[in-house]
PDB file of all heavy atoms in Angstrom:
ATOM      1  N   TYR A   1     284.154  70.150   4.529  1.00  0.00           N
ATOM      2  CA  TYR A   1     284.982  69.216   5.299  1.00  0.00           C
ATOM      3  C   TYR A   1     285.560  68.115   4.420  1.00  0.00           C
ATOM      4  O   TYR A   1     285.519  66.945   4.768  1.00  0.00           O
ATOM      5  CB  TYR A   1     284.177  68.614   6.453  1.00  0.00           C
ATOM      6  CG  TYR A   1     283.812  69.628   7.500  1.00  0.00           C
ATOM      7  CD1 TYR A   1     282.540  70.179   7.537  1.00  0.00           C
ATOM      8  CD2 TYR A   1     284.744  70.049   8.433  1.00  0.00           C
ATOM      9  CE1 TYR A   1     282.205  71.120   8.496  1.00  0.00           C
ATOM     10  CE2 TYR A   1     284.421  70.997   9.392  1.00  0.00           C
ATOM     11  CZ  TYR A   1     283.150  71.525   9.416  1.00  0.00           C
ATOM     12  OH  TYR A   1     282.822  72.464  10.359  1.00  0.00           O
ATOM     13  N   ASN A   2     286.103  68.478   3.277  1.00  0.00           N
ATOM     14  CA  ASN A   2     286.752  67.501   2.406  1.00  0.00           C
ATOM     15  C   ASN A   2     288.259  67.735   2.443  1.00  0.00           C
ATOM     16  O   ASN A   2     288.807  68.511   1.666  1.00  0.00           O
ATOM     17  CB  ASN A   2     286.226  67.588   0.977  1.00  0.00           C
ATOM     18  CG  ASN A   2     286.683  66.418   0.134  1.00  0.00           C
ATOM     19  OD1 ASN A   2     287.239  65.456   0.642  1.00  0.00           O
ATOM     20  ND2 ASN A   2     286.465  66.508  -1.158  1.00  0.00           N
ATOM     21  N   VAL A   3     288.922  67.104   3.401  1.00  0.00           N
ATOM     22  CA  VAL A   3     290.357  67.195   3.630  1.00  0.00           C
ATOM     23  C   VAL A   3     290.733  68.642   3.979  1.00  0.00           C
ATOM     24  O   VAL A   3     291.308  69.368   3.175  1.00  0.00           O
ATOM     25  CB  VAL A   3     291.184  66.656   2.442  1.00  0.00           C
ATOM     26  CG1 VAL A   3     292.655  66.515   2.825  1.00  0.00           C
ATOM     27  CG2 VAL A   3     290.644  65.319   1.961  1.00  0.00           C
ATOM     28  N   VAL A   4     290.388  69.029   5.191  1.00  0.00           N
ATOM     29  CA  VAL A   4     290.652  70.376   5.686  1.00  0.00           C
ATOM     30  C   VAL A   4     291.427  70.316   7.001  1.00  0.00           C
ATOM     31  O   VAL A   4     291.485  69.275   7.647  1.00  0.00           O
ATOM     32  CB  VAL A   4     289.338  71.172   5.899  1.00  0.00           C
ATOM     33  CG1 VAL A   4     288.588  71.346   4.600  1.00  0.00           C
ATOM     34  CG2 VAL A   4     288.464  70.533   6.949  1.00  0.00           C
ATOM     35  N   THR A   5     291.974  71.438   7.379  1.00  0.00           N
ATOM     36  CA  THR A   5     292.580  71.603   8.699  1.00  0.00           C
ATOM     37  C   THR A   5     291.686  72.549   9.474  1.00  0.00           C
ATOM     38  O   THR A   5     291.348  73.634   8.983  1.00  0.00           O
ATOM     39  CB  THR A   5     294.007  72.191   8.571  1.00  0.00           C
ATOM     40  OG1 THR A   5     294.807  71.263   7.842  1.00  0.00           O
ATOM     41  CG2 THR A   5     294.614  72.446   9.935  1.00  0.00           C
ATOM     42  N   THR A   6     291.267  72.130  10.676  1.00  0.00           N
ATOM     43  CA  THR A   6     290.332  72.944  11.452  1.00  0.00           C
ATOM     44  C   THR A   6     290.491  72.675  12.942  1.00  0.00           C
ATOM     45  O   THR A   6     291.019  71.637  13.340  1.00  0.00           O
ATOM     46  CB  THR A   6     288.878  72.690  11.010  1.00  0.00           C
ATOM     47  OG1 THR A   6     288.013  73.602  11.687  1.00  0.00           O
ATOM     48  CG2 THR A   6     288.442  71.263  11.306  1.00  0.00           C
ATOM     49  N   ASN A   7     290.011  73.625  13.755  1.00  0.00           N
ATOM     50  CA  ASN A   7     289.981  73.426  15.201  1.00  0.00           C
ATOM     51  C   ASN A   7     288.558  73.549  15.743  1.00  0.00           C
ATOM     52  O   ASN A   7     288.353  73.727  16.939  1.00  0.00           O
ATOM     53  CB  ASN A   7     290.928  74.387  15.922  1.00  0.00           C
ATOM     54  CG  ASN A   7     290.518  75.833  15.755  1.00  0.00           C
ATOM     55  OD1 ASN A   7     289.494  76.147  15.149  1.00  0.00           O
ATOM     56  ND2 ASN A   7     291.323  76.732  16.281  1.00  0.00           N
ATOM     57  N   SER A   8     287.580  73.456  14.845  1.00  0.00           N
ATOM     58  CA  SER A   8     286.174  73.443  15.264  1.00  0.00           C
ATOM     59  C   SER A   8     285.328  72.778  14.183  1.00  0.00           C
ATOM     60  O   SER A   8     285.719  72.727  13.015  1.00  0.00           O
ATOM     61  CB  SER A   8     285.667  74.859  15.531  1.00  0.00           C
ATOM     62  OG  SER A   8     285.665  75.610  14.340  1.00  0.00           O
ATOM     63  N   LEU A   9     284.193  72.262  14.605  1.00  0.00           N
ATOM     64  CA  LEU A   9     283.270  71.598  13.688  1.00  0.00           C
ATOM     65  C   LEU A   9     281.884  72.207  13.832  1.00  0.00           C
ATOM     66  O   LEU A   9     281.478  72.573  14.940  1.00  0.00           O
ATOM     67  CB  LEU A   9     283.164  70.098  14.010  1.00  0.00           C
ATOM     68  CG  LEU A   9     284.454  69.296  14.060  1.00  0.00           C
ATOM     69  CD1 LEU A   9     284.157  67.871  14.488  1.00  0.00           C
ATOM     70  CD2 LEU A   9     285.136  69.318  12.714  1.00  0.00           C
ATOM     71  N   ILE A  10     281.170  72.293  12.731  1.00  0.00           N
ATOM     72  CA  ILE A  10     279.764  72.699  12.735  1.00  0.00           C
ATOM     73  C   ILE A  10     279.021  71.610  11.974  1.00  0.00           C
ATOM     74  O   ILE A  10     279.160  71.495  10.757  1.00  0.00           O
ATOM     75  CB  ILE A  10     279.566  74.085  12.098  1.00  0.00           C
ATOM     76  CG1 ILE A  10     280.375  75.131  12.857  1.00  0.00           C
ATOM     77  CG2 ILE A  10     278.084  74.447  12.069  1.00  0.00           C
ATOM     78  CD1 ILE A  10     280.362  76.506  12.237  1.00  0.00           C
ATOM     79  N   LEU A  11     278.255  70.795  12.714  1.00  0.00           N
ATOM     80  CA  LEU A  11     277.629  69.608  12.144  1.00  0.00           C
ATOM     81  C   LEU A  11     276.108  69.730  12.118  1.00  0.00           C
ATOM     82  O   LEU A  11     275.489  70.011  13.148  1.00  0.00           O
ATOM     83  CB  LEU A  11     278.015  68.370  12.968  1.00  0.00           C
ATOM     84  CG  LEU A  11     279.511  68.104  13.125  1.00  0.00           C
ATOM     85  CD1 LEU A  11     279.737  66.938  14.082  1.00  0.00           C
ATOM     86  CD2 LEU A  11     280.146  67.837  11.779  1.00  0.00           C
ATOM     87  N   PRO A  12     275.499  69.501  10.961  1.00  0.00           N
ATOM     88  CA  PRO A  12     274.035  69.504  10.896  1.00  0.00           C
ATOM     89  C   PRO A  12     273.487  68.213  11.518  1.00  0.00           C
ATOM     90  O   PRO A  12     274.085  67.145  11.380  1.00  0.00           O
ATOM     91  CB  PRO A  12     273.753  69.551   9.395  1.00  0.00           C
ATOM     92  CG  PRO A  12     274.936  68.874   8.778  1.00  0.00           C
ATOM     93  CD  PRO A  12     276.107  69.213   9.661  1.00  0.00           C
ATOM     94  N   LEU A  13     272.366  68.327  12.198  1.00  0.00           N
ATOM     95  CA  LEU A  13     271.717  67.158  12.784  1.00  0.00           C
ATOM     96  C   LEU A  13     270.464  66.830  11.998  1.00  0.00           C
ATOM     97  O   LEU A  13     269.770  67.731  11.512  1.00  0.00           O
ATOM     98  CB  LEU A  13     271.369  67.423  14.258  1.00  0.00           C
ATOM     99  CG  LEU A  13     272.564  67.754  15.154  1.00  0.00           C
ATOM    100  CD1 LEU A  13     272.098  68.047  16.577  1.00  0.00           C
ATOM    101  CD2 LEU A  13     273.582  66.634  15.148  1.00  0.00           C
ATOM    102  N   ARG A  14     270.174  65.550  11.890  1.00  0.00           N
ATOM    103  CA  ARG A  14     268.983  65.116  11.161  1.00  0.00           C
ATOM    104  C   ARG A  14     267.732  65.526  11.931  1.00  0.00           C
ATOM    105  O   ARG A  14     267.656  65.347  13.144  1.00  0.00           O
ATOM    106  CB  ARG A  14     268.998  63.601  10.984  1.00  0.00           C
ATOM    107  CG  ARG A  14     270.090  63.130  10.066  1.00  0.00           C
ATOM    108  CD  ARG A  14     270.092  61.647   9.915  1.00  0.00           C
ATOM    109  NE  ARG A  14     268.770  61.208   9.466  1.00  0.00           N
ATOM    110  CZ  ARG A  14     268.506  60.010   8.998  1.00  0.00           C
ATOM    111  NH1 ARG A  14     269.460  59.117   8.926  1.00  0.00           N
ATOM    112  NH2 ARG A  14     267.302  59.690   8.607  1.00  0.00           N
ATOM    113  N   THR A  15     266.763  66.070  11.228  1.00  0.00           N
ATOM    114  CA  THR A  15     265.496  66.452  11.852  1.00  0.00           C
ATOM    115  C   THR A  15     264.436  65.380  11.651  1.00  0.00           C
ATOM    116  O   THR A  15     263.341  65.503  12.183  1.00  0.00           O
ATOM    117  CB  THR A  15     264.987  67.794  11.291  1.00  0.00           C
ATOM    118  OG1 THR A  15     264.830  67.673   9.878  1.00  0.00           O
ATOM    119  CG2 THR A  15     265.941  68.928  11.620  1.00  0.00           C
ATOM    120  N   ASP A  16     264.760  64.325  10.909  1.00  0.00           N
ATOM    121  CA  ASP A  16     263.804  63.244  10.657  1.00  0.00           C
ATOM    122  C   ASP A  16     264.142  61.986  11.463  1.00  0.00           C
ATOM    123  O   ASP A  16     263.581  60.927  11.218  1.00  0.00           O
ATOM    124  CB  ASP A  16     263.757  62.908   9.165  1.00  0.00           C
ATOM    125  CG  ASP A  16     265.086  62.392   8.632  1.00  0.00           C
ATOM    126  OD1 ASP A  16     266.124  62.550   9.330  1.00  0.00           O
ATOM    127  OD2 ASP A  16     265.101  61.837   7.523  1.00  0.00           O
ATOM    128  N   ALA A  17     265.068  62.101  12.420  1.00  0.00           N
ATOM    129  CA  ALA A  17     265.475  60.961  13.238  1.00  0.00           C
ATOM    130  C   ALA A  17     265.959  61.485  14.591  1.00  0.00           C
ATOM    131  O   ALA A  17     266.114  62.696  14.773  1.00  0.00           O
ATOM    132  CB  ALA A  17     266.580  60.176  12.539  1.00  0.00           C
ATOM    133  N   ASN A  18     266.211  60.569  15.519  1.00  0.00           N
ATOM    134  CA  ASN A  18     266.696  60.954  16.843  1.00  0.00           C
ATOM    135  C   ASN A  18     268.192  60.699  17.007  1.00  0.00           C
ATOM    136  O   ASN A  18     268.697  60.703  18.133  1.00  0.00           O
ATOM    137  CB  ASN A  18     265.913  60.228  17.938  1.00  0.00           C
ATOM    138  CG  ASN A  18     264.512  60.778  18.063  1.00  0.00           C
ATOM    139  OD1 ASN A  18     264.291  61.974  17.899  1.00  0.00           O
ATOM    140  ND2 ASN A  18     263.568  59.916  18.332  1.00  0.00           N
ATOM    141  N   GLU A  19     268.870  60.439  15.891  1.00  0.00           N
ATOM    142  CA  GLU A  19     270.319  60.314  15.924  1.00  0.00           C
ATOM    143  C   GLU A  19     270.902  60.661  14.562  1.00  0.00           C
ATOM    144  O   GLU A  19     270.236  60.558  13.538  1.00  0.00           O
ATOM    145  CB  GLU A  19     270.763  58.916  16.369  1.00  0.00           C
ATOM    146  CG  GLU A  19     270.618  57.844  15.337  1.00  0.00           C
ATOM    147  CD  GLU A  19     271.206  56.500  15.789  1.00  0.00           C
ATOM    148  OE1 GLU A  19     271.322  56.237  17.002  1.00  0.00           O
ATOM    149  OE2 GLU A  19     271.545  55.710  14.906  1.00  0.00           O
ATOM    150  N   THR A  20     272.166  61.081  14.608  1.00  0.00           N
ATOM    151  CA  THR A  20     272.919  61.385  13.397  1.00  0.00           C
ATOM    152  C   THR A  20     274.301  60.762  13.577  1.00  0.00           C
ATOM    153  O   THR A  20     274.898  60.894  14.645  1.00  0.00           O
ATOM    154  CB  THR A  20     273.061  62.906  13.202  1.00  0.00           C
ATOM    155  OG1 THR A  20     271.760  63.495  13.175  1.00  0.00           O
ATOM    156  CG2 THR A  20     273.780  63.234  11.907  1.00  0.00           C
ATOM    157  N   LYS A  21     274.789  60.091  12.534  1.00  0.00           N
ATOM    158  CA  LYS A  21     276.112  59.465  12.586  1.00  0.00           C
ATOM    159  C   LYS A  21     277.026  60.091  11.533  1.00  0.00           C
ATOM    160  O   LYS A  21     276.594  60.345  10.414  1.00  0.00           O
ATOM    161  CB  LYS A  21     276.022  57.959  12.325  1.00  0.00           C
ATOM    162  CG  LYS A  21     275.390  57.174  13.438  1.00  0.00           C
ATOM    163  CD  LYS A  21     275.458  55.685  13.125  1.00  0.00           C
ATOM    164  CE  LYS A  21     275.008  54.875  14.320  1.00  0.00           C
ATOM    165  NZ  LYS A  21     275.329  53.450  14.145  1.00  0.00           N
ATOM    166  N   PHE A  22     278.281  60.309  11.948  1.00  0.00           N
ATOM    167  CA  PHE A  22     279.281  60.855  11.051  1.00  0.00           C
ATOM    168  C   PHE A  22     280.556  60.032  11.117  1.00  0.00           C
ATOM    169  O   PHE A  22     280.917  59.515  12.170  1.00  0.00           O
ATOM    170  CB  PHE A  22     279.645  62.300  11.426  1.00  0.00           C
ATOM    171  CG  PHE A  22     278.569  63.296  11.147  1.00  0.00           C
ATOM    172  CD1 PHE A  22     277.809  63.820  12.181  1.00  0.00           C
ATOM    173  CD2 PHE A  22     278.320  63.736   9.856  1.00  0.00           C
ATOM    174  CE1 PHE A  22     276.821  64.751  11.939  1.00  0.00           C
ATOM    175  CE2 PHE A  22     277.331  64.672   9.603  1.00  0.00           C
ATOM    176  CZ  PHE A  22     276.582  65.178  10.645  1.00  0.00           C
ATOM    177  N   LYS A  23     281.254  59.964   9.969  1.00  0.00           N
ATOM    178  CA  LYS A  23     282.608  59.419   9.902  1.00  0.00           C
ATOM    179  C   LYS A  23     283.546  60.618   9.892  1.00  0.00           C
ATOM    180  O   LYS A  23     283.474  61.449   8.989  1.00  0.00           O
ATOM    181  CB  LYS A  23     282.813  58.607   8.629  1.00  0.00           C
ATOM    182  CG  LYS A  23     281.952  57.391   8.503  1.00  0.00           C
ATOM    183  CD  LYS A  23     282.295  56.686   7.195  1.00  0.00           C
ATOM    184  CE  LYS A  23     281.082  56.115   6.554  1.00  0.00           C
ATOM    185  NZ  LYS A  23     281.375  55.480   5.258  1.00  0.00           N
ATOM    186  N   LEU A  24     284.423  60.713  10.895  1.00  0.00           N
ATOM    187  CA  LEU A  24     285.430  61.763  10.969  1.00  0.00           C
ATOM    188  C   LEU A  24     286.767  61.103  10.672  1.00  0.00           C
ATOM    189  O   LEU A  24     287.249  60.289  11.462  1.00  0.00           O
ATOM    190  CB  LEU A  24     285.444  62.410  12.352  1.00  0.00           C
ATOM    191  CG  LEU A  24     284.361  63.441  12.648  1.00  0.00           C
ATOM    192  CD1 LEU A  24     282.995  62.821  12.729  1.00  0.00           C
ATOM    193  CD2 LEU A  24     284.669  64.193  13.910  1.00  0.00           C
ATOM    194  N   HIS A  25     287.327  61.428   9.527  1.00  0.00           N
ATOM    195  CA  HIS A  25     288.530  60.770   9.023  1.00  0.00           C
ATOM    196  C   HIS A  25     289.696  61.744   9.111  1.00  0.00           C
ATOM    197  O   HIS A  25     289.736  62.733   8.381  1.00  0.00           O
ATOM    198  CB  HIS A  25     288.290  60.346   7.573  1.00  0.00           C
ATOM    199  CG  HIS A  25     289.131  59.212   7.136  1.00  0.00           C
ATOM    200  ND1 HIS A  25     288.608  58.122   6.505  1.00  0.00           N
ATOM    201  CD2 HIS A  25     290.449  58.984   7.227  1.00  0.00           C
ATOM    202  CE1 HIS A  25     289.571  57.273   6.222  1.00  0.00           C
ATOM    203  NE2 HIS A  25     290.701  57.781   6.643  1.00  0.00           N
ATOM    204  N   GLN A  26     290.645  61.466  10.018  1.00  0.00           N
ATOM    205  CA  GLN A  26     291.830  62.301  10.204  1.00  0.00           C
ATOM    206  C   GLN A  26     292.933  61.859   9.240  1.00  0.00           C
ATOM    207  O   GLN A  26     293.080  60.663   8.968  1.00  0.00           O
ATOM    208  CB  GLN A  26     292.322  62.179  11.644  1.00  0.00           C
ATOM    209  CG  GLN A  26     293.562  62.972  11.940  1.00  0.00           C
ATOM    210  CD  GLN A  26     294.152  62.618  13.292  1.00  0.00           C
ATOM    211  OE1 GLN A  26     294.195  61.468  13.668  1.00  0.00           O
ATOM    212  NE2 GLN A  26     294.593  63.633  14.008  1.00  0.00           N
ATOM    213  N   ASN A  27     293.704  62.809   8.727  1.00  0.00           N
ATOM    214  CA  ASN A  27     294.803  62.532   7.787  1.00  0.00           C
ATOM    215  C   ASN A  27     294.321  61.751   6.563  1.00  0.00           C
ATOM    216  O   ASN A  27     295.004  60.857   6.067  1.00  0.00           O
ATOM    217  CB  ASN A  27     295.952  61.786   8.476  1.00  0.00           C
ATOM    218  CG  ASN A  27     296.593  62.615   9.561  1.00  0.00           C
ATOM    219  OD1 ASN A  27     296.755  63.818   9.412  1.00  0.00           O
ATOM    220  ND2 ASN A  27     296.929  61.983  10.658  1.00  0.00           N
ATOM    221  N   TYR A  28     293.156  62.111   6.066  1.00  0.00           N
ATOM    222  CA  TYR A  28     292.557  61.424   4.927  1.00  0.00           C
ATOM    223  C   TYR A  28     293.366  61.660   3.655  1.00  0.00           C
ATOM    224  O   TYR A  28     293.780  62.778   3.351  1.00  0.00           O
ATOM    225  CB  TYR A  28     291.122  61.914   4.709  1.00  0.00           C
ATOM    226  CG  TYR A  28     290.413  61.236   3.572  1.00  0.00           C
ATOM    227  CD1 TYR A  28     289.733  60.051   3.780  1.00  0.00           C
ATOM    228  CD2 TYR A  28     290.443  61.769   2.285  1.00  0.00           C
ATOM    229  CE1 TYR A  28     289.081  59.415   2.731  1.00  0.00           C
ATOM    230  CE2 TYR A  28     289.796  61.140   1.230  1.00  0.00           C
ATOM    231  CZ  TYR A  28     289.111  59.965   1.465  1.00  0.00           C
ATOM    232  OH  TYR A  28     288.474  59.327   0.438  1.00  0.00           O
ATOM    233  N   ALA A  29     293.585  60.589   2.931  1.00  0.00           N
ATOM    234  CA  ALA A  29     294.227  60.664   1.612  1.00  0.00           C
ATOM    235  C   ALA A  29     293.858  59.403   0.849  1.00  0.00           C
ATOM    236  O   ALA A  29     293.467  58.395   1.441  1.00  0.00           O
ATOM    237  CB  ALA A  29     295.736  60.775   1.747  1.00  0.00           C
ATOM    238  N   ILE A  30     293.949  59.465  -0.450  1.00  0.00           N
ATOM    239  CA  ILE A  30     293.698  58.291  -1.301  1.00  0.00           C
ATOM    240  C   ILE A  30     295.045  57.767  -1.793  1.00  0.00           C
ATOM    241  O   ILE A  30     295.842  58.513  -2.362  1.00  0.00           O
ATOM    242  CB  ILE A  30     292.791  58.643  -2.501  1.00  0.00           C
ATOM    243  CG1 ILE A  30     291.400  59.028  -2.027  1.00  0.00           C
ATOM    244  CG2 ILE A  30     292.729  57.488  -3.482  1.00  0.00           C
ATOM    245  CD1 ILE A  30     290.597  57.896  -1.409  1.00  0.00           C
TER     246      ILE A  30
END
């Protein structure tokens, strides 16, 4: 997921906590 085009996501969840946080950056560029 490093600057891709997609219509689905497969996200791993943390097994050592009760929450997982992600930054989803659309139209990412430097």
